[in-house]
Amino acid sequence: MDHPAPPPGESSDRRTNLWLAGLTVAFLGMSALFLGNSRSQAAPRQAIAPVDAKFLETTPWRQTYTDLVKAKEDLSDYDCYSCHEKNKPPPIRFDANHKIIIPKEHKNIVMGHGSHDRNDLCYNCHNEQNLVTFQVRDGRELKFDNIPPLCGSCHGPTYRDWEAGAHGRTGGFWDRSKGEAQRLSCANCHDPHAPHIPTRPPAPGPHPLHAVAAAPAHPHPAP
C-alpha cells in the first residue's frame, strides 16, 4: 500500500531545518574551540627595546658656514687673511709620492676628494687670488655661504638631483603657504675635503605583532 507523498512545502522546510541545525552545531563547536584557546596560556611576548635615539636624530651631522653665521658662532677660522698675506697665494707643496702636504696650521683637514688623489688640490675649489671666496670652473667667484654651485660645477647630475629635491634631504613644509621648505647644503652631509660619507648601521626593522620563530641555522658544509 503506497504512502501519500508529503506536501511540496514540507520537504523544503525539512531541508532548511536540517541546514539550520547543522550550522548551529558548527557554530557551537567553533565557540567551544575559541573559548578553549582563549583560556590557554598565552605565549610570552618578546620584550621590545626602545630604538636608539641616534636613529631619530634629524640634526645634520655637519655645520656649514651659513649655519655658523645664523648661530652667531665664532667665524675666525674663515678669516684666511688673519694669517695669510693678501695678493700672495700660499704655495702648495707635495711629497715624493706627489701627495699634498697639509700645513701644520691645517692639520685638522684630511684630504680625500676622489679615489685617486687627483682632486686633492686646494685651488680646485679655493680661489688663490682671494682666499675668502671659492672659484668655479667657469670662472665665477662664490662666497662661503654658497656651496652647492661649487660642487655642481663638477658633479652636475648630482647637483641637478639636489635642485629637484631627489638628492639630499628636504624638510619643512611641502605646502609653501604654511611655511618654507628647508634644504640641506652639500657640506651638511659631505666633508668638502673628504666627501665620502662614513658607513653607518641601518635602523632596525619593524617589530612583528606576533612572535616569530627563529629560522634554524644552516651551517655551511666544510670545504
N, C-alpha and C. Protein backbone atom coordinates (compact mmCIF):
# COMPACT_ATOMS: atom_id res chain seq x y z
N MET A 1 0.85 -1.20 0.00
CA MET A 1 0.00 0.00 0.00
C MET A 1 0.88 1.23 0.00
N ASP A 2 0.72 2.10 -0.96
CA ASP A 2 1.58 3.30 -1.10
C ASP A 2 1.17 4.35 -0.09
N HIS A 3 2.30 5.00 0.51
CA HIS A 3 2.07 6.10 1.43
C HIS A 3 1.88 7.38 0.63
N PRO A 4 1.09 8.25 1.10
CA PRO A 4 0.89 9.52 0.36
C PRO A 4 2.15 10.39 0.42
N ALA A 5 2.51 11.00 -0.69
CA ALA A 5 3.69 11.88 -0.75
C ALA A 5 3.46 13.11 0.10
N PRO A 6 4.51 13.58 0.81
CA PRO A 6 4.35 14.80 1.63
C PRO A 6 4.12 16.01 0.74
N PRO A 7 3.47 16.97 1.30
CA PRO A 7 3.25 18.20 0.51
C PRO A 7 4.58 18.81 0.08
N PRO A 8 4.65 19.51 -1.07
CA PRO A 8 5.92 20.08 -1.56
C PRO A 8 6.57 21.00 -0.56
N GLY A 9 5.87 21.81 0.15
CA GLY A 9 6.46 22.76 1.09
C GLY A 9 7.07 22.10 2.30
N GLU A 10 6.51 20.95 2.70
CA GLU A 10 7.03 20.28 3.90
C GLU A 10 8.43 19.74 3.68
N SER A 11 8.76 19.23 2.49
CA SER A 11 10.11 18.72 2.18
C SER A 11 11.15 19.84 2.21
N SER A 12 10.78 20.98 1.66
CA SER A 12 11.69 22.12 1.66
C SER A 12 11.96 22.62 3.08
N ASP A 13 10.93 22.65 3.92
CA ASP A 13 11.10 23.10 5.30
C ASP A 13 12.00 22.14 6.07
N ARG A 14 11.87 20.83 5.76
CA ARG A 14 12.70 19.86 6.46
C ARG A 14 14.17 20.06 6.14
N ARG A 15 14.50 20.33 4.85
CA ARG A 15 15.90 20.55 4.47
C ARG A 15 16.44 21.82 5.13
N THR A 16 15.58 22.84 5.20
CA THR A 16 16.02 24.09 5.84
C THR A 16 16.33 23.88 7.31
N ASN A 17 15.47 23.10 7.97
CA ASN A 17 15.70 22.83 9.39
C ASN A 17 16.99 22.03 9.62
N LEU A 18 17.26 21.09 8.71
CA LEU A 18 18.49 20.32 8.83
C LEU A 18 19.73 21.22 8.68
N TRP A 19 19.67 22.15 7.69
CA TRP A 19 20.79 23.09 7.49
C TRP A 19 20.98 23.99 8.72
N LEU A 20 19.90 24.47 9.25
CA LEU A 20 20.00 25.33 10.42
C LEU A 20 20.54 24.57 11.63
N ALA A 21 20.12 23.33 11.77
CA ALA A 21 20.64 22.52 12.86
C ALA A 21 22.14 22.26 12.70
N GLY A 22 22.56 21.98 11.46
CA GLY A 22 23.99 21.76 11.21
C GLY A 22 24.83 23.00 11.48
N LEU A 23 24.32 24.16 11.04
CA LEU A 23 25.05 25.40 11.28
C LEU A 23 25.13 25.71 12.76
N THR A 24 24.05 25.42 13.49
CA THR A 24 24.05 25.66 14.94
C THR A 24 25.10 24.82 15.63
N VAL A 25 25.18 23.55 15.25
CA VAL A 25 26.19 22.67 15.84
C VAL A 25 27.60 23.15 15.48
N ALA A 26 27.80 23.58 14.22
CA ALA A 26 29.12 24.05 13.81
C ALA A 26 29.54 25.29 14.60
N PHE A 27 28.61 26.27 14.74
CA PHE A 27 28.93 27.49 15.49
C PHE A 27 29.19 27.18 16.96
N LEU A 28 28.42 26.24 17.54
CA LEU A 28 28.67 25.86 18.91
C LEU A 28 30.06 25.23 19.08
N GLY A 29 30.45 24.41 18.10
CA GLY A 29 31.79 23.81 18.15
C GLY A 29 32.88 24.85 18.04
N MET A 30 32.70 25.83 17.12
CA MET A 30 33.69 26.89 16.96
C MET A 30 33.78 27.75 18.22
N SER A 31 32.63 28.00 18.86
CA SER A 31 32.63 28.78 20.10
C SER A 31 33.39 28.06 21.20
N ALA A 32 33.17 26.76 21.30
CA ALA A 32 33.88 25.98 22.31
C ALA A 32 35.38 25.99 22.05
N LEU A 33 35.75 25.87 20.77
CA LEU A 33 37.17 25.90 20.43
C LEU A 33 37.79 27.24 20.75
N PHE A 34 37.06 28.31 20.45
CA PHE A 34 37.55 29.65 20.73
C PHE A 34 37.74 29.87 22.23
N LEU A 35 36.75 29.46 23.01
CA LEU A 35 36.85 29.63 24.45
C LEU A 35 38.00 28.80 25.03
N GLY A 36 38.20 27.63 24.47
CA GLY A 36 39.29 26.81 24.95
C GLY A 36 40.64 27.44 24.67
N ASN A 37 40.81 28.02 23.48
CA ASN A 37 42.07 28.67 23.14
C ASN A 37 42.30 29.92 23.96
N SER A 38 41.21 30.66 24.23
CA SER A 38 41.36 31.90 24.98
C SER A 38 41.77 31.64 26.42
N ARG A 39 41.43 30.48 26.96
CA ARG A 39 41.79 30.16 28.34
C ARG A 39 43.17 29.54 28.44
N SER A 40 43.71 29.12 27.33
CA SER A 40 45.05 28.54 27.36
C SER A 40 46.07 29.65 27.62
N GLN A 41 47.24 29.26 28.11
CA GLN A 41 48.26 30.24 28.46
C GLN A 41 48.83 30.87 27.19
N ALA A 42 48.80 32.19 27.18
CA ALA A 42 49.32 32.90 26.01
C ALA A 42 50.83 32.81 25.97
N ALA A 43 51.37 32.80 24.74
CA ALA A 43 52.82 32.74 24.58
C ALA A 43 53.44 34.04 25.09
N PRO A 44 54.56 33.96 25.79
CA PRO A 44 55.19 35.19 26.31
C PRO A 44 55.62 36.10 25.18
N ARG A 45 55.36 37.39 25.34
CA ARG A 45 55.74 38.35 24.33
C ARG A 45 57.20 38.78 24.50
N GLN A 46 57.84 38.93 23.40
CA GLN A 46 59.24 39.34 23.44
C GLN A 46 59.34 40.81 23.83
N ALA A 47 60.24 41.09 24.76
CA ALA A 47 60.44 42.48 25.18
C ALA A 47 61.03 43.28 24.02
N ILE A 48 60.44 44.42 23.74
CA ILE A 48 60.88 45.27 22.63
C ILE A 48 61.71 46.42 23.20
N ALA A 49 62.97 46.44 22.86
CA ALA A 49 63.85 47.50 23.34
C ALA A 49 63.56 48.79 22.59
N PRO A 50 63.68 49.92 23.25
CA PRO A 50 63.45 51.19 22.54
C PRO A 50 64.49 51.42 21.46
N VAL A 51 64.10 52.12 20.42
CA VAL A 51 65.01 52.42 19.31
C VAL A 51 66.09 53.37 19.79
N ASP A 52 67.30 53.12 19.36
CA ASP A 52 68.41 54.01 19.72
C ASP A 52 68.08 55.42 19.25
N ALA A 53 68.31 56.40 20.12
CA ALA A 53 67.96 57.78 19.81
C ALA A 53 68.68 58.32 18.59
N LYS A 54 69.82 57.72 18.25
CA LYS A 54 70.57 58.23 17.10
C LYS A 54 69.81 58.04 15.79
N PHE A 55 68.89 57.06 15.76
CA PHE A 55 68.11 56.84 14.55
C PHE A 55 66.95 57.83 14.43
N LEU A 56 66.67 58.57 15.50
CA LEU A 56 65.60 59.55 15.49
C LEU A 56 66.14 60.97 15.34
N GLU A 57 67.45 61.11 15.33
CA GLU A 57 68.06 62.43 15.25
C GLU A 57 67.98 62.97 13.83
N THR A 58 67.49 64.18 13.67
CA THR A 58 67.36 64.79 12.34
C THR A 58 68.32 65.95 12.13
N THR A 59 69.10 66.28 13.16
CA THR A 59 70.06 67.37 13.02
C THR A 59 71.20 66.94 12.12
N PRO A 60 71.58 67.73 11.12
CA PRO A 60 72.71 67.36 10.25
C PRO A 60 73.98 67.15 11.08
N TRP A 61 74.79 66.23 10.64
CA TRP A 61 75.99 65.90 11.42
C TRP A 61 77.12 66.89 11.16
N ARG A 62 76.97 67.79 10.20
CA ARG A 62 77.96 68.82 9.95
C ARG A 62 77.28 70.19 9.89
N GLN A 63 78.01 71.22 10.26
CA GLN A 63 77.53 72.59 10.16
C GLN A 63 78.28 73.31 9.06
N THR A 64 77.54 74.05 8.26
CA THR A 64 78.15 74.84 7.20
C THR A 64 78.45 76.24 7.70
N TYR A 65 79.12 77.00 6.85
CA TYR A 65 79.40 78.40 7.18
C TYR A 65 78.09 79.15 7.43
N THR A 66 77.07 78.87 6.62
CA THR A 66 75.77 79.52 6.80
C THR A 66 75.17 79.20 8.16
N ASP A 67 75.28 77.95 8.59
CA ASP A 67 74.76 77.56 9.90
C ASP A 67 75.49 78.31 11.01
N LEU A 68 76.80 78.47 10.87
CA LEU A 68 77.57 79.17 11.90
C LEU A 68 77.19 80.64 11.96
N VAL A 69 76.92 81.23 10.79
CA VAL A 69 76.51 82.63 10.77
C VAL A 69 75.17 82.80 11.47
N LYS A 70 74.21 81.91 11.16
CA LYS A 70 72.89 82.00 11.79
C LYS A 70 72.97 81.81 13.30
N ALA A 71 73.86 80.93 13.74
CA ALA A 71 74.01 80.66 15.17
C ALA A 71 74.91 81.67 15.86
N LYS A 72 75.46 82.60 15.11
CA LYS A 72 76.36 83.63 15.63
C LYS A 72 77.57 83.00 16.33
N GLU A 73 78.12 81.98 15.66
CA GLU A 73 79.30 81.31 16.19
C GLU A 73 80.57 82.06 15.79
N ASP A 74 81.67 81.60 16.34
CA ASP A 74 82.96 82.19 16.03
C ASP A 74 83.35 81.84 14.59
N LEU A 75 83.63 82.85 13.78
CA LEU A 75 83.97 82.64 12.37
C LEU A 75 85.44 82.92 12.08
N SER A 76 86.25 82.94 13.11
CA SER A 76 87.66 83.29 12.91
C SER A 76 88.38 82.29 12.03
N ASP A 77 87.93 81.02 12.01
CA ASP A 77 88.58 80.03 11.16
C ASP A 77 88.40 80.34 9.68
N TYR A 78 87.43 81.16 9.34
CA TYR A 78 87.17 81.51 7.94
C TYR A 78 87.84 82.84 7.55
N ASP A 79 88.53 83.45 8.49
CA ASP A 79 89.23 84.70 8.19
C ASP A 79 90.64 84.34 7.73
N CYS A 80 90.76 83.96 6.47
CA CYS A 80 92.03 83.44 5.95
C CYS A 80 93.16 84.47 6.06
N TYR A 81 92.81 85.74 5.87
CA TYR A 81 93.85 86.76 5.84
C TYR A 81 94.28 87.23 7.22
N SER A 82 93.77 86.58 8.25
CA SER A 82 94.33 86.85 9.57
C SER A 82 95.71 86.20 9.71
N CYS A 83 95.99 85.22 8.83
CA CYS A 83 97.31 84.57 8.81
C CYS A 83 98.00 84.75 7.47
N HIS A 84 97.26 84.60 6.38
CA HIS A 84 97.85 84.68 5.05
C HIS A 84 97.96 86.13 4.59
N GLU A 85 98.92 86.34 3.73
CA GLU A 85 99.16 87.69 3.19
C GLU A 85 98.35 87.86 1.90
N LYS A 86 97.69 88.99 1.78
CA LYS A 86 96.89 89.26 0.58
C LYS A 86 97.81 89.43 -0.63
N ASN A 87 97.25 89.05 -1.77
CA ASN A 87 97.96 89.14 -3.06
C ASN A 87 99.21 88.25 -3.09
N LYS A 88 99.25 87.27 -2.21
CA LYS A 88 100.37 86.34 -2.19
C LYS A 88 99.82 84.95 -1.91
N PRO A 89 99.39 84.23 -2.95
CA PRO A 89 98.77 82.91 -2.73
C PRO A 89 99.71 81.96 -1.99
N PRO A 90 99.21 81.26 -0.99
CA PRO A 90 100.05 80.30 -0.27
C PRO A 90 100.54 79.20 -1.21
N PRO A 91 101.81 78.84 -1.16
CA PRO A 91 102.30 77.77 -2.03
C PRO A 91 101.79 76.41 -1.56
N ILE A 92 101.61 75.52 -2.52
CA ILE A 92 101.17 74.16 -2.22
C ILE A 92 102.36 73.23 -2.43
N ARG A 93 102.62 72.41 -1.46
CA ARG A 93 103.78 71.52 -1.51
C ARG A 93 103.31 70.07 -1.56
N PHE A 94 104.12 69.23 -2.20
CA PHE A 94 103.81 67.81 -2.36
C PHE A 94 105.00 66.98 -1.89
N ASP A 95 104.70 65.76 -1.45
CA ASP A 95 105.78 64.88 -1.03
C ASP A 95 106.33 64.10 -2.22
N ALA A 96 107.20 63.14 -1.93
CA ALA A 96 107.84 62.39 -3.01
C ALA A 96 106.85 61.56 -3.80
N ASN A 97 105.69 61.23 -3.20
CA ASN A 97 104.66 60.45 -3.90
C ASN A 97 103.62 61.34 -4.54
N HIS A 98 103.92 62.64 -4.64
CA HIS A 98 103.04 63.62 -5.27
C HIS A 98 101.71 63.78 -4.53
N LYS A 99 101.75 63.55 -3.23
CA LYS A 99 100.58 63.81 -2.41
C LYS A 99 100.75 65.13 -1.68
N ILE A 100 99.66 65.85 -1.57
CA ILE A 100 99.72 67.17 -0.98
C ILE A 100 100.14 67.09 0.48
N ILE A 101 100.97 68.04 0.88
CA ILE A 101 101.41 68.15 2.27
C ILE A 101 100.54 69.19 2.96
N ILE A 102 99.82 68.77 3.97
CA ILE A 102 98.93 69.68 4.69
C ILE A 102 99.77 70.45 5.72
N PRO A 103 99.75 71.78 5.69
CA PRO A 103 100.50 72.55 6.69
C PRO A 103 99.99 72.24 8.09
N LYS A 104 100.87 72.36 9.05
CA LYS A 104 100.50 72.04 10.43
C LYS A 104 99.39 72.95 10.94
N GLU A 105 99.26 74.15 10.37
CA GLU A 105 98.18 75.04 10.78
C GLU A 105 96.81 74.50 10.38
N HIS A 106 96.78 73.59 9.42
CA HIS A 106 95.53 72.99 8.95
C HIS A 106 95.55 71.47 9.15
N LYS A 107 96.19 71.03 10.23
CA LYS A 107 96.35 69.60 10.46
C LYS A 107 95.03 68.88 10.71
N ASN A 108 93.96 69.65 11.00
CA ASN A 108 92.65 69.03 11.21
C ASN A 108 92.00 68.62 9.89
N ILE A 109 92.56 69.02 8.77
CA ILE A 109 92.00 68.70 7.45
C ILE A 109 92.59 67.39 6.95
N VAL A 110 91.72 66.50 6.53
CA VAL A 110 92.13 65.23 5.93
C VAL A 110 91.69 65.26 4.47
N MET A 111 92.63 65.19 3.57
CA MET A 111 92.32 65.27 2.15
C MET A 111 91.96 63.88 1.62
N GLY A 112 90.84 63.81 0.95
CA GLY A 112 90.40 62.55 0.34
C GLY A 112 89.30 62.80 -0.66
N HIS A 113 89.50 63.78 -1.54
CA HIS A 113 88.48 64.15 -2.51
C HIS A 113 88.74 63.39 -3.81
N GLY A 114 88.19 62.19 -3.87
CA GLY A 114 88.41 61.35 -5.05
C GLY A 114 89.16 60.09 -4.65
N SER A 115 89.08 59.09 -5.50
CA SER A 115 89.68 57.80 -5.18
C SER A 115 91.12 57.67 -5.65
N HIS A 116 91.63 58.66 -6.40
CA HIS A 116 92.99 58.54 -6.93
C HIS A 116 93.85 59.76 -6.58
N ASP A 117 93.45 60.50 -5.54
CA ASP A 117 94.20 61.69 -5.10
C ASP A 117 94.33 62.74 -6.20
N ARG A 118 93.45 62.68 -7.19
CA ARG A 118 93.57 63.64 -8.30
C ARG A 118 92.98 65.00 -7.96
N ASN A 119 92.07 65.03 -6.99
CA ASN A 119 91.42 66.29 -6.66
C ASN A 119 91.88 66.85 -5.32
N ASP A 120 92.94 66.29 -4.78
CA ASP A 120 93.46 66.79 -3.51
C ASP A 120 94.34 68.00 -3.77
N LEU A 121 93.73 69.04 -4.28
CA LEU A 121 94.44 70.28 -4.59
C LEU A 121 93.57 71.44 -4.11
N CYS A 122 94.10 72.27 -3.24
CA CYS A 122 93.31 73.33 -2.61
C CYS A 122 92.65 74.24 -3.63
N TYR A 123 93.42 74.58 -4.68
CA TYR A 123 92.93 75.59 -5.61
C TYR A 123 91.98 75.03 -6.66
N ASN A 124 91.58 73.77 -6.52
CA ASN A 124 90.47 73.29 -7.34
C ASN A 124 89.16 73.93 -6.90
N CYS A 125 89.11 74.36 -5.64
CA CYS A 125 87.90 74.98 -5.11
C CYS A 125 88.18 76.37 -4.53
N HIS A 126 89.26 76.51 -3.79
CA HIS A 126 89.59 77.79 -3.18
C HIS A 126 90.22 78.72 -4.22
N ASN A 127 89.90 79.98 -4.10
CA ASN A 127 90.41 80.99 -5.03
C ASN A 127 91.75 81.50 -4.51
N GLU A 128 92.82 81.15 -5.22
CA GLU A 128 94.15 81.55 -4.73
C GLU A 128 94.36 83.06 -4.76
N GLN A 129 93.58 83.76 -5.58
CA GLN A 129 93.70 85.21 -5.63
C GLN A 129 92.84 85.92 -4.59
N ASN A 130 91.88 85.21 -4.03
CA ASN A 130 91.00 85.77 -3.00
C ASN A 130 90.57 84.61 -2.11
N LEU A 131 91.29 84.38 -1.04
CA LEU A 131 91.10 83.19 -0.23
C LEU A 131 89.76 83.13 0.49
N VAL A 132 89.04 84.23 0.55
CA VAL A 132 87.74 84.24 1.23
C VAL A 132 86.61 83.94 0.25
N THR A 133 86.94 83.44 -0.92
CA THR A 133 85.92 83.02 -1.89
C THR A 133 86.33 81.69 -2.49
N PHE A 134 85.35 81.06 -3.14
CA PHE A 134 85.61 79.86 -3.93
C PHE A 134 85.68 80.26 -5.40
N GLN A 135 86.31 79.42 -6.20
CA GLN A 135 86.34 79.66 -7.64
C GLN A 135 85.72 78.46 -8.36
N VAL A 136 84.80 78.76 -9.28
CA VAL A 136 84.09 77.72 -10.03
C VAL A 136 84.82 77.52 -11.35
N ARG A 137 84.59 76.39 -11.95
CA ARG A 137 85.29 76.05 -13.19
C ARG A 137 85.02 77.04 -14.31
N ASP A 138 83.85 77.69 -14.27
CA ASP A 138 83.55 78.66 -15.33
C ASP A 138 84.07 80.06 -15.01
N GLY A 139 84.83 80.21 -13.93
CA GLY A 139 85.45 81.49 -13.61
C GLY A 139 84.71 82.31 -12.57
N ARG A 140 83.53 81.88 -12.16
CA ARG A 140 82.78 82.65 -11.16
C ARG A 140 83.43 82.54 -9.79
N GLU A 141 83.18 83.57 -8.98
CA GLU A 141 83.60 83.54 -7.58
C GLU A 141 82.36 83.37 -6.71
N LEU A 142 82.46 82.50 -5.73
CA LEU A 142 81.35 82.24 -4.83
C LEU A 142 81.79 82.48 -3.40
N LYS A 143 80.86 82.98 -2.59
CA LYS A 143 81.15 83.17 -1.18
C LYS A 143 81.00 81.85 -0.42
N PHE A 144 81.47 81.84 0.81
CA PHE A 144 81.45 80.61 1.60
C PHE A 144 80.04 80.11 1.88
N ASP A 145 79.05 80.98 1.78
CA ASP A 145 77.67 80.56 2.09
C ASP A 145 76.93 80.06 0.86
N ASN A 146 77.64 79.82 -0.23
CA ASN A 146 77.00 79.37 -1.47
C ASN A 146 77.78 78.18 -2.03
N ILE A 147 77.67 77.05 -1.34
CA ILE A 147 78.48 75.89 -1.69
C ILE A 147 77.93 75.07 -2.86
N PRO A 148 76.59 74.83 -2.95
CA PRO A 148 76.09 73.91 -3.97
C PRO A 148 76.54 74.21 -5.41
N PRO A 149 76.54 75.46 -5.88
CA PRO A 149 77.02 75.67 -7.26
C PRO A 149 78.48 75.28 -7.45
N LEU A 150 79.27 75.41 -6.39
CA LEU A 150 80.67 75.00 -6.49
C LEU A 150 80.76 73.49 -6.70
N CYS A 151 80.04 72.73 -5.88
CA CYS A 151 80.05 71.27 -6.05
C CYS A 151 79.44 70.87 -7.39
N GLY A 152 78.39 71.60 -7.79
CA GLY A 152 77.71 71.28 -9.04
C GLY A 152 78.53 71.54 -10.28
N SER A 153 79.59 72.35 -10.15
CA SER A 153 80.41 72.61 -11.34
C SER A 153 81.17 71.36 -11.78
N CYS A 154 81.34 70.39 -10.88
CA CYS A 154 81.95 69.10 -11.24
C CYS A 154 80.94 67.95 -11.19
N HIS A 155 80.05 68.03 -10.22
CA HIS A 155 79.08 66.94 -10.00
C HIS A 155 77.72 67.36 -10.55
N GLY A 156 77.65 67.52 -11.87
CA GLY A 156 76.44 68.05 -12.49
C GLY A 156 75.18 67.22 -12.26
N PRO A 157 75.18 65.91 -12.53
CA PRO A 157 73.95 65.12 -12.31
C PRO A 157 73.47 65.16 -10.87
N THR A 158 74.42 65.07 -9.93
CA THR A 158 74.02 65.12 -8.52
C THR A 158 73.46 66.48 -8.16
N TYR A 159 74.04 67.52 -8.72
CA TYR A 159 73.54 68.89 -8.47
C TYR A 159 72.13 69.06 -9.01
N ARG A 160 71.86 68.51 -10.18
CA ARG A 160 70.51 68.60 -10.75
C ARG A 160 69.51 67.83 -9.87
N ASP A 161 69.94 66.67 -9.36
CA ASP A 161 69.07 65.92 -8.45
C ASP A 161 68.82 66.71 -7.17
N TRP A 162 69.84 67.39 -6.68
CA TRP A 162 69.68 68.19 -5.46
C TRP A 162 68.70 69.35 -5.72
N GLU A 163 68.83 69.99 -6.85
CA GLU A 163 67.91 71.09 -7.17
C GLU A 163 66.46 70.59 -7.25
N ALA A 164 66.27 69.38 -7.77
CA ALA A 164 64.92 68.83 -7.91
C ALA A 164 64.41 68.21 -6.62
N GLY A 165 65.26 68.11 -5.58
CA GLY A 165 64.84 67.55 -4.31
C GLY A 165 65.04 66.05 -4.20
N ALA A 166 65.66 65.41 -5.20
CA ALA A 166 65.86 63.96 -5.15
C ALA A 166 67.12 63.58 -4.40
N HIS A 167 68.08 64.48 -4.30
CA HIS A 167 69.33 64.22 -3.57
C HIS A 167 69.36 65.10 -2.34
N GLY A 168 69.86 64.54 -1.25
CA GLY A 168 69.87 65.31 -0.01
C GLY A 168 68.53 65.18 0.70
N ARG A 169 68.32 66.00 1.68
CA ARG A 169 67.10 65.91 2.48
C ARG A 169 66.35 67.23 2.46
N THR A 170 65.07 67.15 2.17
CA THR A 170 64.20 68.32 2.18
C THR A 170 63.27 68.22 3.38
N GLY A 171 63.24 69.25 4.20
CA GLY A 171 62.38 69.28 5.37
C GLY A 171 61.47 70.49 5.32
N GLY A 172 60.82 70.75 6.42
CA GLY A 172 59.92 71.89 6.46
C GLY A 172 58.55 71.55 5.92
N PHE A 173 58.03 72.38 5.05
CA PHE A 173 56.67 72.25 4.55
C PHE A 173 56.67 72.04 3.04
N TRP A 174 55.93 71.01 2.60
CA TRP A 174 55.70 70.85 1.17
C TRP A 174 54.73 71.93 0.68
N ASP A 175 53.76 72.26 1.51
CA ASP A 175 52.80 73.32 1.17
C ASP A 175 53.43 74.65 1.55
N ARG A 176 53.89 75.39 0.56
CA ARG A 176 54.62 76.64 0.81
C ARG A 176 53.75 77.70 1.47
N SER A 177 52.41 77.54 1.39
CA SER A 177 51.54 78.51 2.04
C SER A 177 51.58 78.38 3.56
N LYS A 178 52.09 77.24 4.07
CA LYS A 178 52.16 77.01 5.51
C LYS A 178 53.54 77.28 6.09
N GLY A 179 54.53 77.38 5.24
CA GLY A 179 55.89 77.63 5.71
C GLY A 179 56.90 77.31 4.63
N GLU A 180 58.14 77.56 4.92
CA GLU A 180 59.21 77.36 3.95
C GLU A 180 59.73 75.93 3.99
N ALA A 181 60.25 75.50 2.87
CA ALA A 181 60.96 74.22 2.82
C ALA A 181 62.40 74.44 3.29
N GLN A 182 62.94 73.44 3.93
CA GLN A 182 64.31 73.53 4.44
C GLN A 182 65.18 72.56 3.67
N ARG A 183 66.19 73.09 3.03
CA ARG A 183 67.09 72.28 2.22
C ARG A 183 68.46 72.21 2.88
N LEU A 184 69.03 71.03 2.93
CA LEU A 184 70.39 70.88 3.42
C LEU A 184 71.36 71.22 2.31
N SER A 185 72.47 71.79 2.69
CA SER A 185 73.53 72.09 1.74
C SER A 185 74.44 70.88 1.61
N CYS A 186 75.28 70.87 0.59
CA CYS A 186 76.18 69.73 0.35
C CYS A 186 77.05 69.45 1.57
N ALA A 187 77.58 70.53 2.18
CA ALA A 187 78.52 70.36 3.29
C ALA A 187 77.83 69.99 4.59
N ASN A 188 76.49 69.95 4.63
CA ASN A 188 75.81 69.45 5.81
C ASN A 188 75.99 67.94 5.96
N CYS A 189 76.24 67.27 4.84
CA CYS A 189 76.42 65.82 4.85
C CYS A 189 77.83 65.40 4.44
N HIS A 190 78.43 66.15 3.53
CA HIS A 190 79.74 65.79 2.98
C HIS A 190 80.82 66.73 3.50
N ASP A 191 81.92 66.15 3.94
CA ASP A 191 83.11 66.95 4.24
C ASP A 191 83.72 67.36 2.91
N PRO A 192 83.83 68.65 2.61
CA PRO A 192 84.33 69.05 1.29
C PRO A 192 85.72 68.50 0.96
N HIS A 193 86.54 68.27 1.98
CA HIS A 193 87.89 67.76 1.72
C HIS A 193 87.92 66.24 1.60
N ALA A 194 86.92 65.58 2.16
CA ALA A 194 86.80 64.12 2.07
C ALA A 194 85.32 63.79 2.01
N PRO A 195 84.70 63.91 0.82
CA PRO A 195 83.22 63.87 0.72
C PRO A 195 82.58 62.52 1.02
N HIS A 196 83.35 61.44 0.99
CA HIS A 196 82.74 60.13 1.21
C HIS A 196 82.12 60.08 2.59
N ILE A 197 80.82 59.73 2.66
CA ILE A 197 80.13 59.65 3.94
C ILE A 197 80.46 58.33 4.62
N PRO A 198 80.91 58.37 5.87
CA PRO A 198 81.22 57.10 6.55
C PRO A 198 80.00 56.19 6.62
N THR A 199 80.24 54.90 6.52
CA THR A 199 79.16 53.92 6.59
C THR A 199 78.58 53.89 8.00
N ARG A 200 77.25 53.86 8.07
CA ARG A 200 76.57 53.80 9.35
C ARG A 200 75.61 52.62 9.36
N PRO A 201 75.42 51.98 10.51
CA PRO A 201 74.50 50.83 10.55
C PRO A 201 73.07 51.28 10.29
N PRO A 202 72.27 50.48 9.61
CA PRO A 202 70.88 50.86 9.33
C PRO A 202 70.03 50.77 10.59
N ALA A 203 68.91 51.46 10.57
CA ALA A 203 67.96 51.39 11.67
C ALA A 203 67.32 50.01 11.69
N PRO A 204 66.91 49.53 12.87
CA PRO A 204 66.29 48.20 12.93
C PRO A 204 64.94 48.19 12.22
N GLY A 205 64.54 47.00 11.77
CA GLY A 205 63.26 46.84 11.08
C GLY A 205 62.10 46.88 12.06
N PRO A 206 60.88 46.90 11.56
CA PRO A 206 59.70 46.94 12.45
C PRO A 206 59.54 45.63 13.21
N HIS A 207 58.93 45.74 14.39
CA HIS A 207 58.68 44.56 15.21
C HIS A 207 57.38 43.90 14.77
N PRO A 208 57.33 42.57 14.65
CA PRO A 208 56.08 41.90 14.27
C PRO A 208 55.07 41.93 15.41
N LEU A 209 53.80 41.85 15.08
CA LEU A 209 52.75 41.84 16.09
C LEU A 209 52.72 40.52 16.86
N HIS A 210 53.11 39.44 16.21
CA HIS A 210 53.09 38.13 16.84
C HIS A 210 54.49 37.56 16.85
N ALA A 211 54.71 36.67 17.80
CA ALA A 211 56.03 36.06 17.92
C ALA A 211 56.35 35.26 16.66
N VAL A 212 57.57 35.40 16.19
CA VAL A 212 58.02 34.69 15.00
C VAL A 212 59.15 33.77 15.41
N ALA A 213 59.01 32.51 15.08
CA ALA A 213 60.05 31.53 15.43
C ALA A 213 61.30 31.82 14.60
N ALA A 214 62.42 31.74 15.26
CA ALA A 214 63.69 31.98 14.58
C ALA A 214 63.97 30.85 13.60
N ALA A 215 64.47 31.21 12.45
CA ALA A 215 64.78 30.21 11.44
C ALA A 215 65.98 29.37 11.91
N PRO A 216 65.94 28.09 11.69
CA PRO A 216 67.07 27.24 12.13
C PRO A 216 68.33 27.57 11.35
N ALA A 217 69.42 27.52 12.05
CA ALA A 217 70.71 27.84 11.41
C ALA A 217 71.10 26.69 10.50
N HIS A 218 71.66 27.04 9.36
CA HIS A 218 72.14 26.05 8.40
C HIS A 218 73.63 26.21 8.27
N PRO A 219 74.38 25.41 9.00
CA PRO A 219 75.84 25.57 8.90
C PRO A 219 76.33 25.24 7.50
N HIS A 220 77.31 26.01 7.09
CA HIS A 220 77.89 25.76 5.78
C HIS A 220 78.74 24.50 5.81
N PRO A 221 78.63 23.67 4.80
CA PRO A 221 79.48 22.45 4.80
C PRO A 221 80.94 22.80 4.70
N ALA A 222 81.72 22.00 5.34
CA ALA A 222 83.17 22.21 5.30
C ALA A 222 83.68 22.00 3.88
N PRO A 223 84.60 22.84 3.45
CA PRO A 223 85.12 22.68 2.08
C PRO A 223 85.94 21.40 1.93
